[in-house]
């Protein structure tokens, strides 16, 4: 095609008043036909209203993958044996000598019996009784607060308060039968 023919064809396209209108109509019609075809097949047509959403989805996806990678590496690093002491199972420096096992070491947390456990739903007017579900618990001056075991955390680190409020989570122990519906607490382990 010659340059002159090209210029004349372009000028005819530009001068055609309804060319743009017809093109937009045709594109709209084709788009509707595609949507109708998808609906007949049972497919859902979804359109992104905002093109920046696609960028956000890619960013969120990439960030999620990176977070998973960091989490995986962290778990792997924490589970590695970081000590430089020889492992008696794999490296036997005693050349077959018997290694004595003195039992488990000191516990890392306190373990107590709990039969009072739940969220406070109601507190008496004097503040010395509270209800967890159907169980009324009375606190007396003989009731002890916190955990007092050798492996227990310091008293300042324990979550225990002598003031009972609705919504607080309470754990404790009583030597009485909790099925009776009303007991006196021997120990309150936590109240926060």
C-alpha atoms as a PDB file:
ATOM      1  CA  UNK A   1       0.000   0.000   0.000  1.00  0.00           C
ATOM      2  CA  UNK A   2       1.284   3.382  -0.863  1.00  0.00           C
ATOM      3  CA  UNK A   3       1.705   6.186   1.586  1.00  0.00           C
ATOM      4  CA  UNK A   4      -0.989   8.273  -0.084  1.00  0.00           C
ATOM      5  CA  UNK A   5      -3.558   5.446   0.085  1.00  0.00           C
ATOM      6  CA  UNK A   6      -2.768   4.946   3.772  1.00  0.00           C
ATOM      7  CA  UNK A   7      -3.240   8.634   4.569  1.00  0.00           C
ATOM      8  CA  UNK A   8      -6.556   8.777   2.715  1.00  0.00           C
ATOM      9  CA  UNK A   9      -7.820   5.654   4.504  1.00  0.00           C
ATOM     10  CA  UNK A  10      -6.850   7.110   7.889  1.00  0.00           C
ATOM     11  CA  UNK A  11      -8.570  10.396   7.107  1.00  0.00           C
ATOM     12  CA  UNK A  12     -11.746   8.514   6.140  1.00  0.00           C
ATOM     13  CA  UNK A  13     -11.644   6.669   9.478  1.00  0.00           C
ATOM     14  CA  UNK A  14     -11.143   9.903  11.368  1.00  0.00           C
ATOM     15  CA  UNK A  15     -13.911  11.671   9.502  1.00  0.00           C
ATOM     16  CA  UNK A  16     -16.403   8.883  10.024  1.00  0.00           C
ATOM     17  CA  UNK A  17     -18.563  10.323  12.791  1.00  0.00           C
ATOM     18  CA  UNK A  18     -20.032   7.157  14.094  1.00  0.00           C
ATOM     19  CA  UNK A  19     -16.985   4.892  13.705  1.00  0.00           C
ATOM     20  CA  UNK A  20     -16.035   5.208  17.360  1.00  0.00           C
ATOM     21  CA  UNK A  21     -19.643   4.810  18.471  1.00  0.00           C
ATOM     22  CA  UNK A  22     -20.118   1.644  16.359  1.00  0.00           C
ATOM     23  CA  UNK A  23     -16.828   0.175  17.608  1.00  0.00           C
ATOM     24  CA  UNK A  24     -17.770   0.705  21.261  1.00  0.00           C
ATOM     25  CA  UNK A  25     -21.221  -0.779  20.622  1.00  0.00           C
ATOM     26  CA  UNK A  26     -19.695  -3.829  18.964  1.00  0.00           C
ATOM     27  CA  UNK A  27     -17.237  -4.363  21.842  1.00  0.00           C
ATOM     28  CA  UNK A  28     -20.026  -4.000  24.382  1.00  0.00           C
ATOM     29  CA  UNK A  29     -22.201  -6.464  22.473  1.00  0.00           C
ATOM     30  CA  UNK A  30     -19.361  -9.012  22.261  1.00  0.00           C
ATOM     31  CA  UNK A  31     -18.696  -8.623  25.978  1.00  0.00           C
ATOM     32  CA  UNK A  32     -22.374  -9.253  26.781  1.00  0.00           C
ATOM     33  CA  UNK A  33     -22.378 -12.298  24.496  1.00  0.00           C
ATOM     34  CA  UNK A  34     -19.360 -13.726  26.317  1.00  0.00           C
ATOM     35  CA  UNK A  35     -21.024 -13.133  29.684  1.00  0.00           C
ATOM     36  CA  UNK A  36     -24.276 -14.746  28.501  1.00  0.00           C
ATOM     37  CA  UNK A  37     -22.370 -17.747  27.121  1.00  0.00           C
ATOM     38  CA  UNK A  38     -20.547 -18.163  30.426  1.00  0.00           C
ATOM     39  CA  UNK A  39     -23.843 -17.954  32.330  1.00  0.00           C
ATOM     40  CA  UNK A  40     -25.367 -20.657  30.119  1.00  0.00           C
ATOM     41  CA  UNK A  41     -22.393 -22.924  30.841  1.00  0.00           C
ATOM     42  CA  UNK A  42     -22.694 -22.210  34.572  1.00  0.00           C
ATOM     43  CA  UNK A  43     -19.482 -20.190  34.817  1.00  0.00           C
ATOM     44  CA  UNK A  44     -19.335 -17.052  36.911  1.00  0.00           C
ATOM     45  CA  UNK A  45     -18.168 -13.889  35.233  1.00  0.00           C
ATOM     46  CA  UNK A  46     -16.063 -11.777  37.507  1.00  0.00           C
ATOM     47  CA  UNK A  47     -14.624  -8.441  36.632  1.00  0.00           C
ATOM     48  CA  UNK A  48     -12.057  -6.492  38.592  1.00  0.00           C
ATOM     49  CA  UNK A  49     -13.566  -3.084  39.139  1.00  0.00           C
ATOM     50  CA  UNK A  50     -10.297  -1.495  40.083  1.00  0.00           C
ATOM     51  CA  UNK A  51      -7.108  -2.451  38.219  1.00  0.00           C
ATOM     52  CA  UNK A  52      -4.989  -1.583  41.259  1.00  0.00           C
ATOM     53  CA  UNK A  53      -6.684  -4.489  43.075  1.00  0.00           C
ATOM     54  CA  UNK A  54      -4.747  -6.901  40.856  1.00  0.00           C
ATOM     55  CA  UNK A  55      -1.514  -5.264  41.974  1.00  0.00           C
ATOM     56  CA  UNK A  56      -2.645  -5.512  45.599  1.00  0.00           C
ATOM     57  CA  UNK A  57      -3.467  -9.199  45.193  1.00  0.00           C
ATOM     58  CA  UNK A  58      -0.023  -9.881  43.780  1.00  0.00           C
ATOM     59  CA  UNK A  59       1.586  -7.905  46.609  1.00  0.00           C
ATOM     60  CA  UNK A  60      -0.450  -9.740  49.262  1.00  0.00           C
ATOM     61  CA  UNK A  61       0.334 -13.093  47.673  1.00  0.00           C
ATOM     62  CA  UNK A  62       4.059 -12.336  47.527  1.00  0.00           C
ATOM     63  CA  UNK A  63       4.043 -11.057  51.110  1.00  0.00           C
ATOM     64  CA  UNK A  64       2.248 -14.206  52.283  1.00  0.00           C
ATOM     65  CA  UNK A  65       4.788 -16.459  50.578  1.00  0.00           C
ATOM     66  CA  UNK A  66       7.626 -14.475  52.144  1.00  0.00           C
ATOM     67  CA  UNK A  67       5.997 -14.694  55.589  1.00  0.00           C
ATOM     68  CA  UNK A  68       5.598 -18.461  55.223  1.00  0.00           C
ATOM     69  CA  UNK A  69       9.250 -18.761  54.237  1.00  0.00           C
ATOM     70  CA  UNK A  70      10.363 -16.720  57.259  1.00  0.00           C
ATOM     71  CA  UNK A  71       8.119 -18.768  59.558  1.00  0.00           C
ATOM     72  CA  UNK A  72       9.462 -22.028  58.140  1.00  0.00           C
ATOM     73  CA  UNK A  73      13.057 -20.913  58.580  1.00  0.00           C
ATOM     74  CA  UNK A  74      12.314 -19.719  62.116  1.00  0.00           C
ATOM     75  CA  UNK A  75      10.774 -23.043  63.100  1.00  0.00           C
ATOM     76  CA  UNK A  76      13.690 -24.883  61.540  1.00  0.00           C
ATOM     77  CA  UNK A  77      16.203 -22.681  63.378  1.00  0.00           C
ATOM     78  CA  UNK A  78      14.440 -23.073  66.739  1.00  0.00           C
ATOM     79  CA  UNK A  79      14.323 -26.857  66.400  1.00  0.00           C
ATOM     80  CA  UNK A  80      18.046 -27.145  65.705  1.00  0.00           C
ATOM     81  CA  UNK A  81      20.267 -28.276  68.563  1.00  0.00           C
ATOM     82  CA  UNK A  82      22.350 -25.161  69.167  1.00  0.00           C
ATOM     83  CA  UNK A  83      24.534 -26.591  71.927  1.00  0.00           C
ATOM     84  CA  UNK A  84      28.108 -27.560  71.225  1.00  0.00           C
ATOM     85  CA  UNK A  85      28.049 -30.344  73.830  1.00  0.00           C
ATOM     86  CA  UNK A  86      28.474 -33.792  72.302  1.00  0.00           C
ATOM     87  CA  UNK A  87      25.344 -35.875  71.960  1.00  0.00           C
ATOM     88  CA  UNK A  88      25.900 -39.214  73.758  1.00  0.00           C
ATOM     89  CA  UNK A  89      23.700 -41.044  71.261  1.00  0.00           C
ATOM     90  CA  UNK A  90      25.788 -40.054  68.228  1.00  0.00           C
ATOM     91  CA  UNK A  91      29.195 -39.197  69.615  1.00  0.00           C
ATOM     92  CA  UNK A  92      30.424 -41.460  72.390  1.00  0.00           C
ATOM     93  CA  UNK A  93      33.475 -39.807  73.958  1.00  0.00           C
ATOM     94  CA  UNK A  94      33.609 -42.411  76.747  1.00  0.00           C
ATOM     95  CA  UNK A  95      34.248 -45.286  74.320  1.00  0.00           C
ATOM     96  CA  UNK A  96      31.340 -47.438  75.479  1.00  0.00           C
ATOM     97  CA  UNK A  97      31.207 -46.299  79.103  1.00  0.00           C
ATOM     98  CA  UNK A  98      27.772 -46.320  80.727  1.00  0.00           C
ATOM     99  CA  UNK A  99      26.167 -42.914  81.180  1.00  0.00           C
ATOM    100  CA  UNK A 100      23.829 -42.666  84.171  1.00  0.00           C
ATOM    101  CA  UNK A 101      20.431 -41.089  83.819  1.00  0.00           C
ATOM    102  CA  UNK A 102      19.417 -39.253  86.975  1.00  0.00           C
ATOM    103  CA  UNK A 103      15.807 -38.796  85.832  1.00  0.00           C
ATOM    104  CA  UNK A 104      14.146 -35.714  84.477  1.00  0.00           C
ATOM    105  CA  UNK A 105      15.514 -32.296  85.317  1.00  0.00           C
ATOM    106  CA  UNK A 106      13.637 -29.532  87.080  1.00  0.00           C
ATOM    107  CA  UNK A 107      10.208 -28.832  85.643  1.00  0.00           C
ATOM    108  CA  UNK A 108       9.725 -25.725  83.568  1.00  0.00           C
ATOM    109  CA  UNK A 109       6.218 -24.945  84.753  1.00  0.00           C
ATOM    110  CA  UNK A 110       3.979 -25.597  87.716  1.00  0.00           C
ATOM    111  CA  UNK A 111       1.228 -28.164  87.386  1.00  0.00           C
ATOM    112  CA  UNK A 112      -1.680 -27.862  89.798  1.00  0.00           C
ATOM    113  CA  UNK A 113      -5.071 -29.530  90.219  1.00  0.00           C
ATOM    114  CA  UNK A 114      -7.874 -27.311  88.918  1.00  0.00           C
ATOM    115  CA  UNK A 115     -11.587 -27.868  89.446  1.00  0.00           C
ATOM    116  CA  UNK A 116     -12.710 -24.219  89.423  1.00  0.00           C
ATOM    117  CA  UNK A 117     -12.214 -22.869  85.916  1.00  0.00           C
ATOM    118  CA  UNK A 118     -14.084 -20.420  83.712  1.00  0.00           C
ATOM    119  CA  UNK A 119     -15.219 -16.853  83.175  1.00  0.00           C
ATOM    120  CA  UNK A 120     -16.927 -14.965  85.992  1.00  0.00           C
ATOM    121  CA  UNK A 121     -20.558 -14.286  85.076  1.00  0.00           C
ATOM    122  CA  UNK A 122     -21.749 -12.705  88.328  1.00  0.00           C
ATOM    123  CA  UNK A 123     -20.129 -11.277  91.473  1.00  0.00           C
ATOM    124  CA  UNK A 124     -21.850 -10.896  94.859  1.00  0.00           C
ATOM    125  CA  UNK A 125     -22.323  -7.454  96.416  1.00  0.00           C
ATOM    126  CA  UNK A 126     -19.521  -8.033  98.959  1.00  0.00           C
ATOM    127  CA  UNK A 127     -17.135  -9.163  96.186  1.00  0.00           C
ATOM    128  CA  UNK A 128     -16.210 -12.374  98.028  1.00  0.00           C
ATOM    129  CA  UNK A 129     -18.351 -14.759  95.936  1.00  0.00           C
ATOM    130  CA  UNK A 130     -18.661 -15.217  92.209  1.00  0.00           C
ATOM    131  CA  UNK A 131     -20.520 -17.459  89.777  1.00  0.00           C
ATOM    132  CA  UNK A 132     -19.002 -19.491  86.933  1.00  0.00           C
ATOM    133  CA  UNK A 133     -21.835 -21.157  85.050  1.00  0.00           C
ATOM    134  CA  UNK A 134     -23.939 -22.887  87.745  1.00  0.00           C
ATOM    135  CA  UNK A 135     -21.136 -22.954  90.340  1.00  0.00           C
ATOM    136  CA  UNK A 136     -20.954 -20.332  93.105  1.00  0.00           C
ATOM    137  CA  UNK A 137     -17.445 -19.951  94.560  1.00  0.00           C
ATOM    138  CA  UNK A 138     -16.837 -18.247  97.894  1.00  0.00           C
ATOM    139  CA  UNK A 139     -13.426 -16.802  98.769  1.00  0.00           C
ATOM    140  CA  UNK A 140     -12.436 -16.644 102.446  1.00  0.00           C
ATOM    141  CA  UNK A 141      -9.406 -15.362 104.343  1.00  0.00           C
ATOM    142  CA  UNK A 142      -8.047 -18.938 104.269  1.00  0.00           C
ATOM    143  CA  UNK A 143      -7.980 -18.925 100.456  1.00  0.00           C
ATOM    144  CA  UNK A 144      -4.468 -18.630  99.041  1.00  0.00           C
ATOM    145  CA  UNK A 145      -3.682 -16.779  95.816  1.00  0.00           C
ATOM    146  CA  UNK A 146      -1.236 -17.829  93.106  1.00  0.00           C
ATOM    147  CA  UNK A 147       0.921 -20.901  92.621  1.00  0.00           C
ATOM    148  CA  UNK A 148       3.402 -21.684  95.378  1.00  0.00           C
ATOM    149  CA  UNK A 149       5.355 -24.582  93.900  1.00  0.00           C
ATOM    150  CA  UNK A 150       9.134 -24.762  93.465  1.00  0.00           C
ATOM    151  CA  UNK A 151       8.760 -24.552  89.685  1.00  0.00           C
ATOM    152  CA  UNK A 152       6.163 -21.757  89.744  1.00  0.00           C
ATOM    153  CA  UNK A 153       6.924 -18.323  88.309  1.00  0.00           C
ATOM    154  CA  UNK A 154       7.555 -15.412  90.660  1.00  0.00           C
ATOM    155  CA  UNK A 155       4.480 -13.973  92.365  1.00  0.00           C
ATOM    156  CA  UNK A 156       4.916 -10.729  90.407  1.00  0.00           C
ATOM    157  CA  UNK A 157       4.659 -12.661  87.114  1.00  0.00           C
ATOM    158  CA  UNK A 158       1.479 -14.545  87.998  1.00  0.00           C
ATOM    159  CA  UNK A 159      -1.866 -13.263  86.754  1.00  0.00           C
ATOM    160  CA  UNK A 160      -3.807 -13.283  89.987  1.00  0.00           C
ATOM    161  CA  UNK A 161      -5.845 -10.527  91.604  1.00  0.00           C
ATOM    162  CA  UNK A 162      -7.869 -10.506  94.813  1.00  0.00           C
ATOM    163  CA  UNK A 163     -10.571  -8.385  93.162  1.00  0.00           C
ATOM    164  CA  UNK A 164     -13.180 -10.399  91.255  1.00  0.00           C
ATOM    165  CA  UNK A 165     -14.964  -8.794  88.278  1.00  0.00           C
ATOM    166  CA  UNK A 166     -17.482 -10.017  85.732  1.00  0.00           C
ATOM    167  CA  UNK A 167     -15.592 -11.191  82.646  1.00  0.00           C
ATOM    168  CA  UNK A 168     -12.417 -12.206  84.494  1.00  0.00           C
ATOM    169  CA  UNK A 169     -10.999 -15.653  83.809  1.00  0.00           C
ATOM    170  CA  UNK A 170     -10.534 -17.616  87.030  1.00  0.00           C
ATOM    171  CA  UNK A 171      -8.835 -20.927  87.800  1.00  0.00           C
ATOM    172  CA  UNK A 172      -8.660 -22.472  91.227  1.00  0.00           C
ATOM    173  CA  UNK A 173      -9.082 -25.507  93.412  1.00  0.00           C
ATOM    174  CA  UNK A 174     -11.519 -26.586  96.095  1.00  0.00           C
ATOM    175  CA  UNK A 175     -11.550 -29.741  98.157  1.00  0.00           C
ATOM    176  CA  UNK A 176     -15.364 -29.636  98.225  1.00  0.00           C
ATOM    177  CA  UNK A 177     -17.679 -31.286  95.693  1.00  0.00           C
ATOM    178  CA  UNK A 178     -18.228 -28.884  92.761  1.00  0.00           C
ATOM    179  CA  UNK A 179     -21.397 -30.779  91.815  1.00  0.00           C
ATOM    180  CA  UNK A 180     -23.080 -29.285  94.907  1.00  0.00           C
ATOM    181  CA  UNK A 181     -23.267 -25.907  93.136  1.00  0.00           C
ATOM    182  CA  UNK A 182     -21.648 -23.905  95.978  1.00  0.00           C
ATOM    183  CA  UNK A 183     -18.055 -24.303  97.171  1.00  0.00           C
ATOM    184  CA  UNK A 184     -15.355 -22.469  99.090  1.00  0.00           C
ATOM    185  CA  UNK A 185     -12.093 -21.983  97.190  1.00  0.00           C
ATOM    186  CA  UNK A 186      -8.910 -23.323  98.773  1.00  0.00           C
ATOM    187  CA  UNK A 187      -6.649 -21.739  96.135  1.00  0.00           C
ATOM    188  CA  UNK A 188      -7.166 -19.218  93.349  1.00  0.00           C
ATOM    189  CA  UNK A 189      -4.393 -19.753  90.804  1.00  0.00           C
ATOM    190  CA  UNK A 190      -5.303 -16.945  88.440  1.00  0.00           C
ATOM    191  CA  UNK A 191      -7.847 -14.156  88.168  1.00  0.00           C
ATOM    192  CA  UNK A 192      -7.415 -11.749  85.302  1.00  0.00           C
END
